[in-house]
Amino acid sequence: MSATFNRKTIMANAHFTARWRVPTVGGSYREWFAKGLAHEWKKAREAKVRRDRIALNDRLNFELNTGLPIRSCPADAVRQAQAKAFLSVRPARRLFTNHSGRLAGSFAA
């Protein structure tokens, strides 16, 4: 399990449901507590699946958007350092190359 469940909150919500349903709807406290507990666990599992799916999508989007290391963009080097990928790659001071600005100068002219 990647995430732990907050059991205290689950139990508190189930007890609240049971205390509220017994006088309003009728039935035994035990029945309503069992139904409330089952419902709270179902909600907690669904929330965990949503959190895991969002985390997976964020990671995939980061990998897709990062792509190959682009040495001409300092922002990419920062994002790559955050991901601990391509730590040896440093952003170029000039566009397109570390050695001379001739290539970038030819496009700028």
N, C-alpha and C. Protein backbone atom coordinates (compact mmCIF):
# COMPACT_ATOMS: atom_id res chain seq x y z
N MET A 1 0.83 -1.17 0.00
CA MET A 1 0.00 0.00 0.00
C MET A 1 0.87 1.24 0.00
N SER A 2 0.65 2.11 -0.93
CA SER A 2 1.46 3.32 -1.01
C SER A 2 1.00 4.36 0.01
N ALA A 3 -0.26 4.32 0.38
CA ALA A 3 -0.77 5.30 1.34
C ALA A 3 -1.48 4.56 2.47
N THR A 4 -1.32 5.07 3.67
CA THR A 4 -2.03 4.48 4.80
C THR A 4 -3.37 5.18 4.95
N PHE A 5 -4.31 4.46 5.50
CA PHE A 5 -5.64 5.01 5.69
C PHE A 5 -5.74 5.64 7.07
N ASN A 6 -6.51 6.70 7.17
CA ASN A 6 -6.75 7.35 8.45
C ASN A 6 -7.90 6.62 9.14
N ARG A 7 -7.56 5.60 9.91
CA ARG A 7 -8.57 4.74 10.53
C ARG A 7 -9.41 5.49 11.56
N LYS A 8 -8.80 6.42 12.25
CA LYS A 8 -9.54 7.18 13.26
C LYS A 8 -10.69 7.96 12.61
N THR A 9 -10.42 8.59 11.49
CA THR A 9 -11.46 9.35 10.80
C THR A 9 -12.53 8.42 10.23
N ILE A 10 -12.11 7.28 9.71
CA ILE A 10 -13.07 6.32 9.16
C ILE A 10 -14.03 5.85 10.26
N MET A 11 -13.48 5.49 11.43
CA MET A 11 -14.32 5.03 12.54
C MET A 11 -15.23 6.16 13.04
N ALA A 12 -14.68 7.38 13.14
CA ALA A 12 -15.49 8.51 13.62
C ALA A 12 -16.64 8.79 12.67
N ASN A 13 -16.39 8.74 11.37
CA ASN A 13 -17.47 8.97 10.41
C ASN A 13 -18.52 7.87 10.45
N ALA A 14 -18.08 6.62 10.64
CA ALA A 14 -19.04 5.51 10.74
C ALA A 14 -19.89 5.65 11.99
N HIS A 15 -19.29 6.03 13.12
CA HIS A 15 -20.05 6.24 14.36
C HIS A 15 -21.03 7.40 14.19
N PHE A 16 -20.61 8.46 13.53
CA PHE A 16 -21.50 9.60 13.30
C PHE A 16 -22.71 9.16 12.48
N THR A 17 -22.46 8.38 11.42
CA THR A 17 -23.56 7.91 10.58
C THR A 17 -24.53 7.06 11.39
N ALA A 18 -23.98 6.15 12.20
CA ALA A 18 -24.84 5.27 13.00
C ALA A 18 -25.65 6.08 14.03
N ARG A 19 -25.01 7.02 14.71
CA ARG A 19 -25.72 7.83 15.72
C ARG A 19 -26.80 8.69 15.07
N TRP A 20 -26.58 9.13 13.85
CA TRP A 20 -27.54 9.99 13.18
C TRP A 20 -28.70 9.17 12.58
N ARG A 21 -28.40 7.99 12.05
CA ARG A 21 -29.43 7.19 11.36
C ARG A 21 -30.39 6.48 12.31
N VAL A 22 -29.91 6.06 13.46
CA VAL A 22 -30.78 5.30 14.37
C VAL A 22 -32.01 6.10 14.77
N PRO A 23 -31.88 7.35 15.25
CA PRO A 23 -33.11 8.06 15.62
C PRO A 23 -33.91 8.57 14.42
N THR A 24 -33.27 8.86 13.30
CA THR A 24 -34.01 9.44 12.17
C THR A 24 -34.66 8.39 11.29
N VAL A 25 -33.95 7.30 11.00
CA VAL A 25 -34.47 6.29 10.08
C VAL A 25 -35.00 5.09 10.84
N GLY A 26 -34.35 4.74 11.93
CA GLY A 26 -34.73 3.56 12.69
C GLY A 26 -33.77 2.41 12.40
N GLY A 27 -33.86 1.37 13.18
CA GLY A 27 -32.98 0.23 13.03
C GLY A 27 -32.00 0.19 14.19
N SER A 28 -31.16 -0.81 14.17
CA SER A 28 -30.21 -0.95 15.28
C SER A 28 -28.92 -0.18 14.99
N TYR A 29 -28.27 0.20 16.08
CA TYR A 29 -27.00 0.91 15.95
C TYR A 29 -25.97 0.04 15.24
N ARG A 30 -25.95 -1.25 15.56
CA ARG A 30 -24.97 -2.17 14.98
C ARG A 30 -25.13 -2.26 13.46
N GLU A 31 -26.35 -2.34 12.99
CA GLU A 31 -26.58 -2.42 11.54
C GLU A 31 -26.09 -1.16 10.83
N TRP A 32 -26.46 0.00 11.40
CA TRP A 32 -26.07 1.26 10.76
C TRP A 32 -24.57 1.49 10.86
N PHE A 33 -23.98 1.06 11.96
CA PHE A 33 -22.53 1.20 12.09
C PHE A 33 -21.82 0.34 11.04
N ALA A 34 -22.30 -0.90 10.84
CA ALA A 34 -21.69 -1.78 9.83
C ALA A 34 -21.81 -1.18 8.43
N LYS A 35 -23.01 -0.65 8.12
CA LYS A 35 -23.20 -0.02 6.80
C LYS A 35 -22.32 1.21 6.65
N GLY A 36 -22.26 2.04 7.70
CA GLY A 36 -21.44 3.25 7.66
C GLY A 36 -19.96 2.92 7.52
N LEU A 37 -19.51 1.89 8.25
CA LEU A 37 -18.10 1.49 8.18
C LEU A 37 -17.75 0.97 6.79
N ALA A 38 -18.64 0.15 6.21
CA ALA A 38 -18.40 -0.35 4.85
C ALA A 38 -18.33 0.81 3.86
N HIS A 39 -19.24 1.77 4.02
CA HIS A 39 -19.25 2.91 3.10
C HIS A 39 -17.99 3.77 3.26
N GLU A 40 -17.55 4.01 4.48
CA GLU A 40 -16.35 4.81 4.70
C GLU A 40 -15.11 4.13 4.15
N TRP A 41 -14.99 2.81 4.31
CA TRP A 41 -13.84 2.10 3.74
C TRP A 41 -13.87 2.15 2.21
N LYS A 42 -15.07 2.04 1.65
CA LYS A 42 -15.19 2.13 0.19
C LYS A 42 -14.73 3.51 -0.29
N LYS A 43 -15.16 4.57 0.41
CA LYS A 43 -14.74 5.92 0.04
C LYS A 43 -13.23 6.08 0.18
N ALA A 44 -12.65 5.52 1.25
CA ALA A 44 -11.21 5.65 1.46
C ALA A 44 -10.42 4.93 0.36
N ARG A 45 -10.87 3.75 -0.03
CA ARG A 45 -10.19 3.02 -1.11
C ARG A 45 -10.29 3.76 -2.44
N GLU A 46 -11.47 4.31 -2.73
CA GLU A 46 -11.64 5.08 -3.97
C GLU A 46 -10.77 6.32 -3.97
N ALA A 47 -10.66 6.97 -2.82
CA ALA A 47 -9.79 8.16 -2.72
C ALA A 47 -8.34 7.77 -2.94
N LYS A 48 -7.93 6.61 -2.41
CA LYS A 48 -6.55 6.13 -2.61
C LYS A 48 -6.29 5.87 -4.09
N VAL A 49 -7.26 5.24 -4.77
CA VAL A 49 -7.10 4.97 -6.20
C VAL A 49 -6.97 6.29 -6.97
N ARG A 50 -7.80 7.28 -6.61
CA ARG A 50 -7.72 8.59 -7.28
C ARG A 50 -6.36 9.24 -7.04
N ARG A 51 -5.88 9.20 -5.78
CA ARG A 51 -4.57 9.79 -5.48
C ARG A 51 -3.45 9.10 -6.25
N ASP A 52 -3.51 7.76 -6.31
CA ASP A 52 -2.48 7.03 -7.05
C ASP A 52 -2.54 7.34 -8.54
N ARG A 53 -3.76 7.46 -9.08
CA ARG A 53 -3.91 7.76 -10.50
C ARG A 53 -3.39 9.16 -10.82
N ILE A 54 -3.68 10.11 -9.94
CA ILE A 54 -3.19 11.48 -10.15
C ILE A 54 -1.67 11.51 -10.07
N ALA A 55 -1.09 10.79 -9.10
CA ALA A 55 0.37 10.76 -8.97
C ALA A 55 1.00 10.12 -10.20
N LEU A 56 0.39 9.05 -10.70
CA LEU A 56 0.93 8.40 -11.91
C LEU A 56 0.84 9.35 -13.10
N ASN A 57 -0.29 10.03 -13.26
CA ASN A 57 -0.44 10.97 -14.38
C ASN A 57 0.56 12.11 -14.27
N ASP A 58 0.77 12.62 -13.06
CA ASP A 58 1.75 13.69 -12.88
C ASP A 58 3.14 13.23 -13.27
N ARG A 59 3.51 12.01 -12.85
CA ARG A 59 4.84 11.49 -13.17
C ARG A 59 4.98 11.26 -14.68
N LEU A 60 3.93 10.69 -15.30
CA LEU A 60 3.99 10.47 -16.75
C LEU A 60 4.05 11.78 -17.51
N ASN A 61 3.25 12.76 -17.09
CA ASN A 61 3.28 14.06 -17.77
C ASN A 61 4.64 14.71 -17.64
N PHE A 62 5.26 14.58 -16.46
CA PHE A 62 6.58 15.15 -16.28
C PHE A 62 7.58 14.48 -17.22
N GLU A 63 7.52 13.14 -17.31
CA GLU A 63 8.44 12.43 -18.18
C GLU A 63 8.20 12.77 -19.64
N LEU A 64 6.93 12.89 -20.04
CA LEU A 64 6.64 13.20 -21.43
C LEU A 64 7.03 14.64 -21.77
N ASN A 65 6.80 15.55 -20.85
CA ASN A 65 7.12 16.94 -21.12
C ASN A 65 8.61 17.22 -21.06
N THR A 66 9.32 16.47 -20.23
CA THR A 66 10.76 16.69 -20.11
C THR A 66 11.48 16.19 -21.34
N GLY A 67 11.20 14.97 -21.73
CA GLY A 67 11.82 14.40 -22.92
C GLY A 67 13.32 14.35 -22.82
N LEU A 68 13.99 14.60 -23.92
CA LEU A 68 15.44 14.60 -23.93
C LEU A 68 15.97 15.88 -23.29
N PRO A 69 17.15 15.82 -22.71
CA PRO A 69 17.69 17.03 -22.09
C PRO A 69 18.04 18.09 -23.14
N ILE A 70 17.51 19.26 -22.97
CA ILE A 70 17.80 20.36 -23.88
C ILE A 70 18.76 21.29 -23.15
N ARG A 71 19.98 21.34 -23.63
CA ARG A 71 21.01 22.07 -22.92
C ARG A 71 20.89 23.57 -23.12
N SER A 72 20.08 23.99 -24.05
CA SER A 72 19.99 25.42 -24.31
C SER A 72 18.98 26.12 -23.41
N CYS A 73 18.23 25.36 -22.63
CA CYS A 73 17.18 25.96 -21.81
C CYS A 73 17.49 25.74 -20.33
N PRO A 74 17.80 26.78 -19.59
CA PRO A 74 18.12 26.61 -18.16
C PRO A 74 16.95 26.05 -17.35
N ALA A 75 15.72 26.31 -17.77
CA ALA A 75 14.57 25.80 -17.03
C ALA A 75 14.53 24.28 -17.06
N ASP A 76 14.94 23.67 -18.17
CA ASP A 76 14.95 22.21 -18.25
C ASP A 76 15.96 21.61 -17.29
N ALA A 77 17.09 22.25 -17.13
CA ALA A 77 18.10 21.73 -16.21
C ALA A 77 17.58 21.76 -14.79
N VAL A 78 16.80 22.77 -14.43
CA VAL A 78 16.24 22.86 -13.08
C VAL A 78 15.23 21.73 -12.87
N ARG A 79 14.35 21.50 -13.84
CA ARG A 79 13.36 20.44 -13.71
C ARG A 79 14.02 19.08 -13.68
N GLN A 80 15.08 18.91 -14.45
CA GLN A 80 15.78 17.64 -14.46
C GLN A 80 16.48 17.41 -13.14
N ALA A 81 16.99 18.46 -12.54
CA ALA A 81 17.65 18.32 -11.24
C ALA A 81 16.62 17.95 -10.18
N GLN A 82 15.41 18.49 -10.29
CA GLN A 82 14.37 18.12 -9.35
C GLN A 82 14.02 16.65 -9.49
N ALA A 83 14.05 16.14 -10.68
CA ALA A 83 13.73 14.74 -10.92
C ALA A 83 14.95 13.84 -10.72
N LYS A 84 16.08 14.41 -10.41
CA LYS A 84 17.34 13.70 -10.22
C LYS A 84 17.70 12.90 -11.48
N ALA A 85 17.36 13.45 -12.61
CA ALA A 85 17.72 12.85 -13.88
C ALA A 85 18.63 13.81 -14.62
N PHE A 86 19.57 13.29 -15.32
CA PHE A 86 20.50 14.08 -16.11
C PHE A 86 21.23 15.11 -15.24
N LEU A 87 21.71 14.68 -14.07
CA LEU A 87 22.37 15.62 -13.16
C LEU A 87 23.67 16.16 -13.74
N SER A 88 24.28 15.40 -14.65
CA SER A 88 25.54 15.87 -15.23
C SER A 88 25.32 16.91 -16.32
N VAL A 89 24.09 17.05 -16.79
CA VAL A 89 23.80 18.00 -17.87
C VAL A 89 23.64 19.38 -17.25
N ARG A 90 24.40 20.33 -17.76
CA ARG A 90 24.27 21.69 -17.27
C ARG A 90 23.74 22.57 -18.39
N PRO A 91 22.96 23.60 -18.07
CA PRO A 91 22.42 24.44 -19.13
C PRO A 91 23.53 25.24 -19.80
N ALA A 92 23.36 25.47 -21.08
CA ALA A 92 24.36 26.21 -21.83
C ALA A 92 24.22 27.70 -21.56
N ARG A 93 25.34 28.40 -21.61
CA ARG A 93 25.30 29.85 -21.44
C ARG A 93 24.81 30.51 -22.74
N ARG A 94 25.13 29.88 -23.84
CA ARG A 94 24.70 30.40 -25.13
C ARG A 94 23.70 29.43 -25.74
N LEU A 95 23.01 29.88 -26.75
CA LEU A 95 22.01 29.02 -27.37
C LEU A 95 22.65 27.91 -28.19
N PHE A 96 22.11 26.72 -28.11
CA PHE A 96 22.38 25.55 -28.93
C PHE A 96 23.74 24.90 -28.72
N THR A 97 24.70 25.55 -28.15
CA THR A 97 26.02 24.92 -28.03
C THR A 97 26.77 25.49 -26.84
N ASN A 98 27.66 24.71 -26.28
CA ASN A 98 28.49 25.18 -25.17
C ASN A 98 29.78 25.82 -25.67
N HIS A 99 30.16 25.59 -26.90
CA HIS A 99 31.50 25.97 -27.34
C HIS A 99 31.57 27.34 -28.00
N SER A 100 30.61 27.65 -28.81
CA SER A 100 30.66 28.95 -29.46
C SER A 100 29.24 29.42 -29.74
N GLY A 101 29.11 30.69 -29.98
CA GLY A 101 27.78 31.23 -30.27
C GLY A 101 27.53 31.37 -31.76
N ARG A 102 28.36 30.74 -32.57
CA ARG A 102 28.22 30.91 -34.01
C ARG A 102 26.90 30.39 -34.54
N LEU A 103 26.51 29.22 -34.06
CA LEU A 103 25.26 28.63 -34.54
C LEU A 103 24.07 29.50 -34.14
N ALA A 104 24.06 29.93 -32.89
CA ALA A 104 22.97 30.78 -32.42
C ALA A 104 23.03 32.14 -33.11
N GLY A 105 24.21 32.65 -33.33
CA GLY A 105 24.35 33.93 -34.01
C GLY A 105 23.87 33.88 -35.43
N SER A 106 24.03 32.73 -36.09
CA SER A 106 23.57 32.63 -37.46
C SER A 106 22.06 32.67 -37.53
N PHE A 107 21.38 32.13 -36.52
CA PHE A 107 19.91 32.18 -36.51
C PHE A 107 19.42 33.57 -36.13
N ALA A 108 20.18 34.26 -35.31
CA ALA A 108 19.75 35.57 -34.85
C ALA A 108 19.90 36.64 -35.94
N ALA A 109 20.78 36.40 -36.88
CA ALA A 109 21.03 37.41 -37.91
C ALA A 109 19.93 37.51 -38.93
